[in-house]
Amino acid sequence: MAKRLSKGQISLVTLSGWGFLAGFLAFLDEIGFYALLDIEGTGFKRLMIPIARLIMTYQLKILLGIPSINLVPTKLFRDIGLLKLIGYTTTQMQAGFCQRGNLSAGPMHKNTLADAVERLSGEELEKLLNETARRLAKRGFFRTSKGHFALDATDLETTPKCQGAGMKKYTEWKVNKDKQAVEVERYAYGFKVLIVYEVRLRLVVAAKVVPIQKHESQFTLTLVRQAIKNVGAGVLRVLLIDRGFLDGQDLWVLKHNWGIDFVVPAKEKMRVTADAQELCRQEANGEEVFKQEREGKRKVVKKGKKELERWEGQVSVTGVGELRSYDQYGDKEHVKRTNRKGFAGNALNAAVVTKWQGEKYEAGKEKVFLTSLPIAKPLEVLDIYDLRSLIENTAFRELKQGWCLKKYPKKTEAAIRGHVFLTLITFTLANAFRTDLGQELTQRGMRRQRAEEESGKVIVFTEDHYAIFDIEEFVILLGITPHVCIRASPADVRRRYGLPSAA
């Protein structure tokens, strides 16, 4: 490339300012992600652009934070050098893939990209996510995992006009014009995405998109089973779930069939909740009742003219073991016998929070968490469950605010599913890339030079090669020697690239 540059045999010169993106593409190559993009594409009637190219183009849109498909021509298609890095040729950039559409706006029409996302089937998308998780597991990304995974769901609301959108009815309290609190019926339209998430590594290992009215508990075992297949046996050791996933038979399968412990909040009106609240008031006996307390830091908070004393981080928790009043906790045959004489429930443990931030809960209002973990140190159980908040903060909130999860390319079920899965895959790969192992693998790649994030770099393309040069190297190779060189010596540059010395 240096010799071609010195002879003026170049087709494109642009700034090399992608930093993260260039290194990220090298990382994908190193873990073998591109091989996963060899998708059949059952939803495509004609295929003029390779599916792998379309998927990579949409992933670049996601990584660049482009919220609208209408901004793709100006925000992405004008970055010719970046598109060439994922395989676009100079001819394709100049003439497009066909004679239809506005070729001056890019190698394809923006709607072509949106249509491609819509035509990927649900099976193809789930397989791509599953295979991505398996590639990461194979390369050792879960070796440092402590086995704590969260399962949760979030709504993806749309308008009623969205094709294929589900609908659910719910009630909320509203203050009317007479300043009275009244219950009002509301309707929500759209979909729901459920994910299994390694809370510390921030990697999505299984996911599903369903209509918004579907209950989360219908998909617990399906998702966990897929997650186990993806990351390998023994990696997922504790599942942290919200009360929406509370189902006794599912919990039994997790613990007794698959060897996975769980922590889940109990519902207020359950009999096991009342029993745990009653027993937590007994003295600790070291057998069935255990008590722990964490001291907090004193803080004075002003509320109007009053000063209130708070203890940040203070918590008192009681562990209650051998609870047998959750009669749904068992296999199908066990549940069938619940109304028979002499029926005995299976044992469960509970962590009961009796005091929070220095304030004691009223009797019968304590927070109860059901678990299969040992309960002798209930604070440890509570701390483990506290990790579940990471799926809300570092996954769903981050995906919605920073990754444009709810900015769909088209208002159809298929397009929303395609957008969600490609966003989850890109999000997971980006988090893996940021780890120490991801950086190490990137540096091993053949294209590791593109991972450098120095300023003052240009990238030069010919039809079949490219290279990155320092700006001073670039002008020296063109035959122009600056009077002052800060980073490069003209003689060293010519010697390094085997060029004749200047006259």
Protein backbone atom coordinates (compact mmCIF):
# COMPACT_ATOMS: atom_id res chain seq x y z
CA MET A 1 0.00 0.00 0.00
CA ALA A 2 2.89 2.38 0.73
CA LYS A 3 4.35 1.72 -2.72
CA ARG A 4 0.96 2.21 -4.38
CA LEU A 5 0.44 5.41 -2.41
CA SER A 6 3.84 6.75 -3.52
CA LYS A 7 2.80 6.12 -7.15
CA GLY A 8 -0.65 7.65 -6.71
CA GLN A 9 -2.44 4.30 -7.24
CA ILE A 10 -5.22 4.81 -4.68
CA SER A 11 -9.01 4.84 -4.93
CA LEU A 12 -10.10 6.34 -1.60
CA VAL A 13 -8.62 8.23 1.35
CA THR A 14 -10.61 8.99 4.52
CA LEU A 15 -10.03 9.67 8.20
CA SER A 16 -9.54 6.63 10.43
CA GLY A 17 -11.55 7.90 13.37
CA TRP A 18 -13.80 4.95 14.24
CA GLY A 19 -11.78 3.85 17.27
CA PHE A 20 -14.19 1.49 19.02
CA LEU A 21 -15.83 0.31 15.80
CA ALA A 22 -12.60 -0.71 14.11
CA GLY A 23 -11.44 -2.71 17.11
CA PHE A 24 -14.91 -4.18 17.53
CA LEU A 25 -14.92 -5.51 13.96
CA ALA A 26 -11.52 -7.08 14.55
CA PHE A 27 -12.92 -8.73 17.70
CA LEU A 28 -15.88 -10.19 15.77
CA ASP A 29 -13.46 -11.69 13.28
CA GLU A 30 -11.35 -13.22 16.05
CA ILE A 31 -14.27 -15.01 17.76
CA GLY A 32 -15.67 -16.25 14.45
CA PHE A 33 -18.91 -14.24 14.54
CA TYR A 34 -18.96 -13.61 10.78
CA ALA A 35 -19.33 -17.35 10.14
CA LEU A 36 -22.69 -17.21 11.96
CA LEU A 37 -24.07 -14.77 9.39
CA ASP A 38 -24.33 -17.45 6.70
CA ILE A 39 -28.12 -17.43 7.11
CA GLU A 40 -30.46 -19.09 4.64
CA GLY A 41 -32.86 -16.15 4.64
CA THR A 42 -36.17 -17.97 4.16
CA GLY A 43 -38.05 -14.66 4.14
CA PHE A 44 -36.12 -13.24 1.19
CA LYS A 45 -37.66 -13.76 -2.28
CA ARG A 46 -34.74 -12.16 -4.14
CA LEU A 47 -31.29 -11.67 -2.73
CA MET A 48 -29.16 -9.02 -4.43
CA ILE A 49 -27.19 -8.06 -1.29
CA PRO A 50 -25.64 -10.79 0.91
CA ILE A 51 -27.56 -11.26 4.16
CA ALA A 52 -24.32 -11.06 6.15
CA ARG A 53 -23.68 -7.61 4.65
CA LEU A 54 -27.18 -6.44 5.53
CA ILE A 55 -26.89 -7.66 9.13
CA MET A 56 -23.47 -6.04 9.59
CA THR A 57 -24.79 -2.78 8.13
CA TYR A 58 -27.67 -2.76 10.60
CA GLN A 59 -25.28 -3.57 13.46
CA LEU A 60 -23.20 -0.53 12.48
CA LYS A 61 -26.39 1.54 12.66
CA ILE A 62 -26.92 0.25 16.20
CA LEU A 63 -23.32 0.85 17.27
CA LEU A 64 -23.34 4.39 15.91
CA GLY A 65 -26.49 5.12 17.92
CA ILE A 66 -28.56 6.07 14.87
CA PRO A 67 -32.12 6.14 16.22
CA SER A 68 -34.12 6.39 13.00
CA ILE A 69 -33.88 4.43 9.76
CA ASN A 70 -34.40 7.77 7.99
CA LEU A 71 -31.03 8.99 9.32
CA VAL A 72 -29.09 6.03 7.87
CA PRO A 73 -28.30 7.72 4.51
CA THR A 74 -26.70 10.76 6.19
CA LYS A 75 -25.25 9.17 9.33
CA LEU A 76 -24.01 5.83 7.96
CA PHE A 77 -24.05 5.61 4.15
CA ARG A 78 -21.85 8.70 3.80
CA ASP A 79 -19.08 7.05 5.84
CA ILE A 80 -17.60 5.25 2.85
CA GLY A 81 -14.46 4.07 4.61
CA LEU A 82 -16.44 2.40 7.40
CA LEU A 83 -18.72 0.60 4.94
CA LYS A 84 -15.70 -0.66 3.01
CA LEU A 85 -14.40 -2.22 6.22
CA ILE A 86 -17.43 -4.55 6.30
CA GLY A 87 -17.04 -5.56 2.66
CA TYR A 88 -18.60 -2.93 0.40
CA THR A 89 -16.60 -2.39 -2.79
CA THR A 90 -15.86 0.94 -4.44
CA THR A 91 -18.18 -0.02 -7.32
CA GLN A 92 -21.05 -0.81 -4.94
CA MET A 93 -20.53 2.49 -3.14
CA GLN A 94 -20.57 4.42 -6.41
CA ALA A 95 -23.26 2.56 -8.36
CA GLY A 96 -25.22 0.67 -5.72
CA PHE A 97 -26.50 -2.89 -6.07
CA CYS A 98 -29.12 -2.12 -8.71
CA GLN A 99 -30.49 0.76 -10.76
CA ARG A 100 -33.54 1.34 -8.58
CA GLY A 101 -33.72 3.77 -5.68
CA ASN A 102 -31.76 6.89 -4.86
CA LEU A 103 -28.20 5.66 -5.32
CA SER A 104 -26.75 9.04 -4.44
CA ALA A 105 -27.89 8.42 -0.86
CA GLY A 106 -25.85 5.23 -0.45
CA PRO A 107 -25.26 1.69 -1.73
CA MET A 108 -28.93 0.84 -1.10
CA HIS A 109 -32.17 2.58 -0.25
CA LYS A 110 -32.78 2.96 3.48
CA ASN A 111 -35.99 0.95 3.16
CA THR A 112 -34.00 -1.96 1.77
CA LEU A 113 -32.17 -2.17 5.10
CA ALA A 114 -35.43 -1.94 7.07
CA ASP A 115 -37.04 -4.61 4.87
CA ALA A 116 -34.07 -6.92 5.41
CA VAL A 117 -34.48 -6.74 9.20
CA GLU A 118 -38.18 -7.53 8.78
CA ARG A 119 -37.52 -10.58 6.59
CA LEU A 120 -35.30 -12.38 9.09
CA SER A 121 -37.39 -15.10 10.72
CA GLY A 122 -37.78 -15.54 14.46
CA GLU A 123 -36.01 -18.91 14.26
CA GLU A 124 -33.04 -17.40 12.41
CA LEU A 125 -32.75 -14.55 14.91
CA GLU A 126 -32.94 -16.77 17.99
CA LYS A 127 -30.37 -19.12 16.47
CA LEU A 128 -28.03 -16.19 15.80
CA LEU A 129 -28.26 -15.03 19.43
CA ASN A 130 -27.86 -18.58 20.76
CA GLU A 131 -24.84 -19.28 18.57
CA THR A 132 -23.30 -15.95 19.61
CA ALA A 133 -23.59 -16.93 23.29
CA ARG A 134 -22.09 -20.33 22.51
CA ARG A 135 -19.13 -18.75 20.70
CA LEU A 136 -18.47 -16.54 23.72
CA ALA A 137 -18.75 -19.53 26.07
CA LYS A 138 -16.36 -21.54 23.90
CA ARG A 139 -13.79 -18.72 24.02
CA GLY A 140 -13.94 -18.62 27.83
CA PHE A 141 -16.00 -15.51 28.50
CA PHE A 142 -17.96 -17.23 31.30
CA ARG A 143 -14.96 -18.65 33.16
CA THR A 144 -15.02 -15.73 35.60
CA SER A 145 -18.78 -15.90 36.09
CA LYS A 146 -20.02 -16.47 39.65
CA GLY A 147 -23.11 -18.15 38.24
CA HIS A 148 -25.57 -15.36 39.04
CA PHE A 149 -28.06 -14.85 36.20
CA ALA A 150 -31.25 -12.79 36.12
CA LEU A 151 -34.43 -13.50 34.16
CA ASP A 152 -36.73 -10.56 33.52
CA ALA A 153 -39.03 -8.97 30.95
CA THR A 154 -39.78 -5.46 29.76
CA ASP A 155 -42.64 -4.11 27.65
CA LEU A 156 -42.04 -2.73 24.16
CA GLU A 157 -45.06 -0.52 23.65
CA THR A 158 -46.27 0.50 20.19
CA THR A 159 -49.34 2.17 18.76
CA PRO A 160 -52.55 0.19 18.15
CA LYS A 161 -51.81 0.39 14.41
CA CYS A 162 -48.64 -1.66 14.66
CA GLN A 163 -49.08 -4.85 12.65
CA GLY A 164 -49.21 -7.93 14.88
CA ALA A 165 -49.08 -5.99 18.16
CA GLY A 166 -50.59 -7.57 21.24
CA MET A 167 -52.86 -5.77 23.70
CA LYS A 168 -53.25 -5.90 27.47
CA LYS A 169 -55.66 -4.16 29.80
CA TYR A 170 -54.54 -2.81 33.14
CA THR A 171 -55.80 -0.39 35.79
CA GLU A 172 -54.10 2.59 37.37
CA TRP A 173 -55.03 5.16 39.98
CA LYS A 174 -55.66 8.73 38.83
CA VAL A 175 -56.70 11.90 40.67
CA ASN A 176 -59.78 13.43 38.99
CA LYS A 177 -60.81 17.07 38.86
CA ASP A 178 -62.57 16.70 42.22
CA LYS A 179 -59.22 15.61 43.70
CA GLN A 180 -60.48 12.11 44.30
CA ALA A 181 -58.41 9.00 43.58
CA VAL A 182 -60.22 6.84 41.04
CA GLU A 183 -59.26 3.61 39.28
CA VAL A 184 -59.03 3.95 35.49
CA GLU A 185 -58.74 1.21 32.87
CA ARG A 186 -55.85 1.54 30.43
CA TYR A 187 -54.74 -0.39 27.37
CA ALA A 188 -51.19 -1.07 26.25
CA TYR A 189 -50.24 -2.32 22.78
CA GLY A 190 -47.03 -3.93 21.62
CA PHE A 191 -44.66 -6.71 22.60
CA LYS A 192 -42.53 -7.98 25.46
CA VAL A 193 -38.89 -9.05 25.42
CA LEU A 194 -37.62 -11.57 27.97
CA ILE A 195 -33.91 -12.17 28.53
CA VAL A 196 -31.58 -14.32 30.62
CA TYR A 197 -28.70 -12.08 31.64
CA GLU A 198 -25.33 -12.66 33.34
CA VAL A 199 -25.54 -9.75 35.75
CA ARG A 200 -21.83 -9.10 36.28
CA LEU A 201 -20.50 -9.77 32.79
CA ARG A 202 -23.55 -8.06 31.23
CA LEU A 203 -24.08 -10.72 28.58
CA VAL A 204 -27.48 -11.78 27.22
CA VAL A 205 -27.50 -15.58 26.84
CA ALA A 206 -31.12 -16.26 25.80
CA ALA A 207 -34.08 -14.14 24.73
CA LYS A 208 -37.60 -14.24 23.36
CA VAL A 209 -40.02 -11.63 21.97
CA VAL A 210 -43.73 -12.27 22.61
CA PRO A 211 -47.01 -10.30 22.51
CA ILE A 212 -47.33 -7.86 25.41
CA GLN A 213 -50.26 -9.72 27.04
CA LYS A 214 -48.34 -12.99 27.46
CA HIS A 215 -47.47 -13.78 31.07
CA GLU A 216 -43.77 -14.05 31.89
CA SER A 217 -44.08 -17.34 33.77
CA GLN A 218 -45.04 -19.18 30.55
CA PHE A 219 -41.46 -18.88 29.28
CA THR A 220 -39.28 -19.48 32.36
CA LEU A 221 -38.24 -23.05 31.65
CA THR A 222 -37.91 -22.53 27.89
CA LEU A 223 -35.51 -19.63 28.34
CA VAL A 224 -33.48 -21.19 31.14
CA ARG A 225 -33.16 -24.47 29.22
CA GLN A 226 -31.86 -22.54 26.20
CA ALA A 227 -29.46 -20.53 28.38
CA ILE A 228 -27.99 -23.75 29.80
CA LYS A 229 -27.44 -25.08 26.27
CA ASN A 230 -25.72 -21.86 25.27
CA VAL A 231 -23.32 -21.35 28.19
CA GLY A 232 -22.81 -24.97 29.19
CA ALA A 233 -23.80 -27.07 32.19
CA GLY A 234 -22.82 -25.75 35.61
CA VAL A 235 -22.36 -22.12 34.58
CA LEU A 236 -25.84 -20.91 35.56
CA ARG A 237 -26.00 -21.67 39.28
CA VAL A 238 -28.42 -19.10 40.78
CA LEU A 239 -31.42 -17.59 38.98
CA LEU A 240 -32.74 -14.23 40.21
CA ILE A 241 -36.32 -13.60 39.14
CA ASP A 242 -39.16 -11.18 39.77
CA ARG A 243 -42.43 -12.26 41.37
CA GLY A 244 -44.03 -12.30 37.91
CA PHE A 245 -42.12 -15.54 37.26
CA LEU A 246 -43.22 -17.14 40.54
CA ASP A 247 -44.49 -20.63 39.76
CA GLY A 248 -44.02 -23.52 42.18
CA GLN A 249 -43.64 -26.25 39.59
CA ASP A 250 -41.07 -24.23 37.60
CA LEU A 251 -39.08 -23.54 40.76
CA TRP A 252 -39.08 -27.25 41.55
CA VAL A 253 -37.70 -28.10 38.09
CA LEU A 254 -34.99 -25.46 38.44
CA LYS A 255 -33.76 -26.82 41.76
CA HIS A 256 -34.41 -30.55 41.63
CA ASN A 257 -34.12 -31.34 37.92
CA TRP A 258 -31.48 -28.85 36.79
CA GLY A 259 -29.61 -28.09 40.03
CA ILE A 260 -30.19 -24.33 39.82
CA ASP A 261 -30.90 -22.34 42.99
CA PHE A 262 -33.29 -19.39 42.90
CA VAL A 263 -34.32 -16.27 44.79
CA VAL A 264 -37.74 -14.73 44.15
CA PRO A 265 -39.97 -12.27 46.08
CA ALA A 266 -43.09 -13.87 47.57
CA LYS A 267 -46.51 -12.42 46.82
CA GLU A 268 -48.25 -10.59 49.65
CA LYS A 269 -51.34 -12.80 49.93
CA MET A 270 -49.55 -16.16 49.85
CA ARG A 271 -49.83 -18.37 52.92
CA VAL A 272 -46.09 -18.99 52.91
CA THR A 273 -45.56 -15.23 53.09
CA ALA A 274 -47.71 -14.92 56.21
CA ASP A 275 -45.93 -17.89 57.82
CA ALA A 276 -42.49 -16.40 57.13
CA GLN A 277 -43.59 -13.04 58.56
CA GLU A 278 -44.91 -14.72 61.70
CA LEU A 279 -41.79 -16.84 62.27
CA CYS A 280 -39.40 -13.94 61.70
CA ARG A 281 -40.52 -12.41 65.00
CA GLN A 282 -39.22 -15.38 66.97
CA GLU A 283 -35.81 -15.42 68.56
CA ALA A 284 -32.94 -16.84 66.54
CA ASN A 285 -32.37 -20.50 67.44
CA GLY A 286 -29.59 -21.46 65.00
CA GLU A 287 -31.74 -24.20 63.46
CA GLU A 288 -34.74 -22.68 61.69
CA VAL A 289 -34.51 -18.97 62.51
CA PHE A 290 -31.37 -16.89 61.85
CA LYS A 291 -30.92 -13.16 62.26
CA GLN A 292 -28.39 -10.75 60.75
CA GLU A 293 -28.07 -6.98 60.68
CA ARG A 294 -25.88 -4.59 58.72
CA GLU A 295 -25.15 -1.23 60.25
CA GLY A 296 -25.63 1.80 58.06
CA LYS A 297 -24.33 5.34 58.06
CA ARG A 298 -26.28 7.98 59.94
CA LYS A 299 -27.68 10.72 57.75
CA VAL A 300 -29.95 13.63 58.64
CA VAL A 301 -32.57 14.43 56.01
CA LYS A 302 -34.68 17.58 56.01
CA LYS A 303 -38.39 17.13 55.40
CA GLY A 304 -39.98 20.54 55.45
CA LYS A 305 -38.94 22.17 58.73
CA LYS A 306 -38.23 18.84 60.38
CA GLU A 307 -34.97 16.94 60.43
CA LEU A 308 -35.29 13.18 60.14
CA GLU A 309 -32.61 10.65 60.99
CA ARG A 310 -31.91 7.97 58.39
CA TRP A 311 -29.41 5.14 58.31
CA GLU A 312 -28.25 4.58 54.75
CA GLY A 313 -27.46 0.96 54.00
CA GLN A 314 -28.89 -0.34 57.27
CA VAL A 315 -30.85 -3.57 56.94
CA SER A 316 -32.12 -6.25 59.31
CA VAL A 317 -33.02 -9.61 57.87
CA THR A 318 -34.22 -12.90 59.33
CA GLY A 319 -33.67 -16.26 57.71
CA VAL A 320 -36.51 -18.74 58.10
CA GLY A 321 -35.89 -22.35 57.08
CA GLU A 322 -38.03 -25.41 56.33
CA LEU A 323 -41.22 -23.57 55.30
CA ARG A 324 -43.75 -26.07 53.95
CA SER A 325 -46.81 -23.92 53.33
CA TYR A 326 -46.18 -23.24 49.63
CA ASP A 327 -48.14 -26.26 48.40
CA GLN A 328 -47.48 -25.47 44.71
CA TYR A 329 -43.75 -26.08 45.16
CA GLY A 330 -43.30 -29.56 43.71
CA ASP A 331 -43.81 -31.66 40.58
CA LYS A 332 -47.20 -32.24 38.93
CA GLU A 333 -48.00 -35.30 41.00
CA HIS A 334 -47.20 -33.43 44.20
CA VAL A 335 -49.51 -30.54 43.27
CA LYS A 336 -52.36 -32.97 42.52
CA ARG A 337 -52.25 -34.18 46.13
CA THR A 338 -52.55 -30.72 47.72
CA ASN A 339 -56.15 -31.24 48.95
CA ARG A 340 -55.65 -34.78 50.21
CA LYS A 341 -55.52 -35.72 53.86
CA GLY A 342 -52.02 -35.89 55.26
CA PHE A 343 -50.53 -33.77 52.49
CA ALA A 344 -47.13 -32.26 53.41
CA GLY A 345 -45.49 -29.49 51.42
CA ASN A 346 -41.90 -29.44 50.26
CA ALA A 347 -39.43 -27.36 52.24
CA LEU A 348 -38.41 -23.87 51.15
CA ASN A 349 -36.35 -21.17 52.84
CA ALA A 350 -37.13 -17.47 53.17
CA ALA A 351 -35.20 -14.28 53.82
CA VAL A 352 -37.46 -11.77 55.60
CA VAL A 353 -36.46 -8.10 55.66
CA THR A 354 -37.67 -6.62 58.95
CA LYS A 355 -35.91 -3.25 58.89
CA TRP A 356 -34.70 -1.12 55.97
CA GLN A 357 -32.71 2.14 56.09
CA GLY A 358 -33.27 2.27 59.84
CA GLU A 359 -37.06 2.00 59.57
CA LYS A 360 -38.79 -1.07 60.94
CA TYR A 361 -41.58 -2.65 58.90
CA GLU A 362 -44.97 -3.09 60.54
CA ALA A 363 -45.91 -6.62 61.55
CA GLY A 364 -47.29 -8.39 58.50
CA LYS A 365 -45.66 -5.89 56.10
CA GLU A 366 -42.16 -7.39 56.07
CA LYS A 367 -40.64 -8.20 52.66
CA VAL A 368 -40.27 -11.94 52.01
CA PHE A 369 -37.93 -13.60 49.52
CA LEU A 370 -38.29 -17.32 48.83
CA THR A 371 -35.11 -19.24 48.05
CA SER A 372 -33.56 -22.68 47.75
CA LEU A 373 -30.22 -21.32 48.98
CA PRO A 374 -28.98 -22.01 52.54
CA ILE A 375 -30.47 -19.47 54.92
CA ALA A 376 -28.04 -19.48 57.88
CA LYS A 377 -26.62 -16.17 56.57
CA PRO A 378 -29.73 -14.39 55.24
CA LEU A 379 -27.82 -11.19 54.40
CA GLU A 380 -25.91 -13.11 51.72
CA VAL A 381 -29.18 -14.20 50.11
CA LEU A 382 -30.46 -10.63 50.13
CA ASP A 383 -27.21 -9.32 48.63
CA ILE A 384 -27.38 -11.91 45.86
CA TYR A 385 -30.95 -10.92 45.02
CA ASP A 386 -29.91 -7.27 44.97
CA LEU A 387 -27.91 -8.13 41.85
CA ARG A 388 -31.19 -8.56 40.00
CA SER A 389 -31.47 -4.77 39.80
CA LEU A 390 -28.59 -4.88 37.32
CA ILE A 391 -30.83 -6.37 34.66
CA GLU A 392 -33.06 -3.31 34.97
CA ASN A 393 -30.28 -0.72 35.14
CA THR A 394 -27.45 -2.08 33.01
CA ALA A 395 -29.60 -4.03 30.53
CA PHE A 396 -33.12 -2.73 29.91
CA ARG A 397 -32.53 0.90 30.82
CA GLU A 398 -29.23 0.98 28.95
CA LEU A 399 -30.77 -0.71 25.91
CA LYS A 400 -33.67 1.72 25.78
CA GLN A 401 -31.72 4.92 26.44
CA GLY A 402 -28.33 4.20 24.87
CA TRP A 403 -29.02 1.53 22.26
CA CYS A 404 -32.34 2.79 20.81
CA LEU A 405 -34.11 -0.49 21.60
CA LYS A 406 -37.54 1.10 21.12
CA LYS A 407 -36.67 2.89 17.85
CA TYR A 408 -38.04 0.35 15.40
CA PRO A 409 -37.22 0.40 11.66
CA LYS A 410 -40.84 -0.47 10.72
CA LYS A 411 -44.14 -0.82 12.56
CA THR A 412 -44.56 -4.56 12.11
CA GLU A 413 -44.09 -7.51 14.42
CA ALA A 414 -41.33 -9.04 12.28
CA ALA A 415 -39.37 -5.79 12.01
CA ILE A 416 -39.58 -5.15 15.75
CA ARG A 417 -38.45 -8.71 16.52
CA GLY A 418 -35.53 -8.38 14.09
CA HIS A 419 -34.51 -5.01 15.54
CA VAL A 420 -34.69 -6.28 19.14
CA PHE A 421 -32.64 -9.41 18.51
CA LEU A 422 -29.95 -7.63 16.49
CA THR A 423 -29.73 -4.99 19.22
CA LEU A 424 -29.38 -7.65 21.94
CA ILE A 425 -26.70 -9.46 19.93
CA THR A 426 -24.72 -6.28 19.26
CA PHE A 427 -25.09 -5.17 22.90
CA THR A 428 -23.77 -8.53 24.13
CA LEU A 429 -20.85 -8.57 21.70
CA ALA A 430 -19.92 -5.00 22.63
CA ASN A 431 -19.89 -5.87 26.35
CA ALA A 432 -17.77 -8.96 25.65
CA PHE A 433 -15.39 -6.82 23.58
CA ARG A 434 -14.88 -4.43 26.50
CA THR A 435 -13.68 -7.18 28.85
CA ASP A 436 -10.01 -7.94 29.37
CA LEU A 437 -10.42 -11.18 27.45
CA GLY A 438 -12.15 -9.36 24.60
CA GLN A 439 -9.31 -6.86 24.35
CA GLU A 440 -6.75 -9.66 24.45
CA LEU A 441 -8.47 -11.51 21.62
CA THR A 442 -8.72 -8.33 19.58
CA GLN A 443 -5.00 -7.73 19.85
CA ARG A 444 -4.36 -11.22 18.48
CA GLY A 445 -6.44 -10.53 15.38
CA MET A 446 -4.96 -9.90 11.97
CA ARG A 447 -6.61 -6.48 11.94
CA ARG A 448 -5.43 -5.40 15.37
CA GLN A 449 -3.89 -2.25 13.92
CA ARG A 450 -7.40 -0.89 13.40
CA ALA A 451 -8.04 -1.12 17.15
CA GLU A 452 -5.71 1.79 17.79
CA GLU A 453 -7.57 4.92 18.74
CA GLU A 454 -4.86 7.49 18.05
CA SER A 455 -5.75 10.73 16.31
CA GLY A 456 -3.95 11.81 13.17
CA LYS A 457 -4.59 8.60 11.23
CA VAL A 458 -5.89 8.16 7.68
CA ILE A 459 -7.05 4.99 5.97
CA VAL A 460 -6.18 4.41 2.31
CA PHE A 461 -8.05 1.99 0.05
CA THR A 462 -7.41 0.40 -3.33
CA GLU A 463 -9.71 -2.12 -4.95
CA ASP A 464 -8.38 -5.04 -2.91
CA HIS A 465 -6.21 -3.65 -0.10
CA TYR A 466 -6.27 -1.02 2.62
CA ALA A 467 -3.81 0.39 5.14
CA ILE A 468 -3.75 2.91 7.98
CA PHE A 469 -1.01 5.55 8.04
CA ASP A 470 -0.07 8.37 10.35
CA ILE A 471 -0.90 11.71 8.73
CA GLU A 472 2.81 12.60 8.49
CA GLU A 473 3.61 9.22 6.93
CA PHE A 474 0.81 9.82 4.46
CA VAL A 475 2.13 13.12 3.11
CA ILE A 476 5.74 11.83 3.07
CA LEU A 477 4.68 8.84 0.97
CA LEU A 478 2.94 11.25 -1.40
CA GLY A 479 6.32 12.88 -1.94
CA ILE A 480 5.71 15.92 0.24
CA THR A 481 8.19 16.42 3.08
CA PRO A 482 6.96 18.84 5.78
CA HIS A 483 9.52 21.32 7.09
CA VAL A 484 8.68 20.16 10.64
CA CYS A 485 7.85 16.50 11.44
CA ILE A 486 6.69 15.78 14.99
CA ARG A 487 6.01 12.03 14.95
CA ALA A 488 7.78 10.67 11.87
CA SER A 489 11.21 10.93 10.27
CA PRO A 490 11.07 11.11 6.43
CA ALA A 491 14.15 8.91 6.08
CA ASP A 492 12.77 6.32 8.53
CA VAL A 493 9.41 6.25 6.74
CA ARG A 494 11.01 5.58 3.35
CA ARG A 495 13.33 2.95 4.84
CA ARG A 496 10.45 1.22 6.68
CA TYR A 497 8.39 0.83 3.53
CA GLY A 498 11.29 -0.02 1.20
CA LEU A 499 11.06 3.16 -0.85
CA PRO A 500 14.01 4.97 -2.43
CA SER A 501 15.54 7.86 -0.51
CA ALA A 502 14.54 11.39 -1.40
CA ALA A 503 16.76 13.12 -3.91
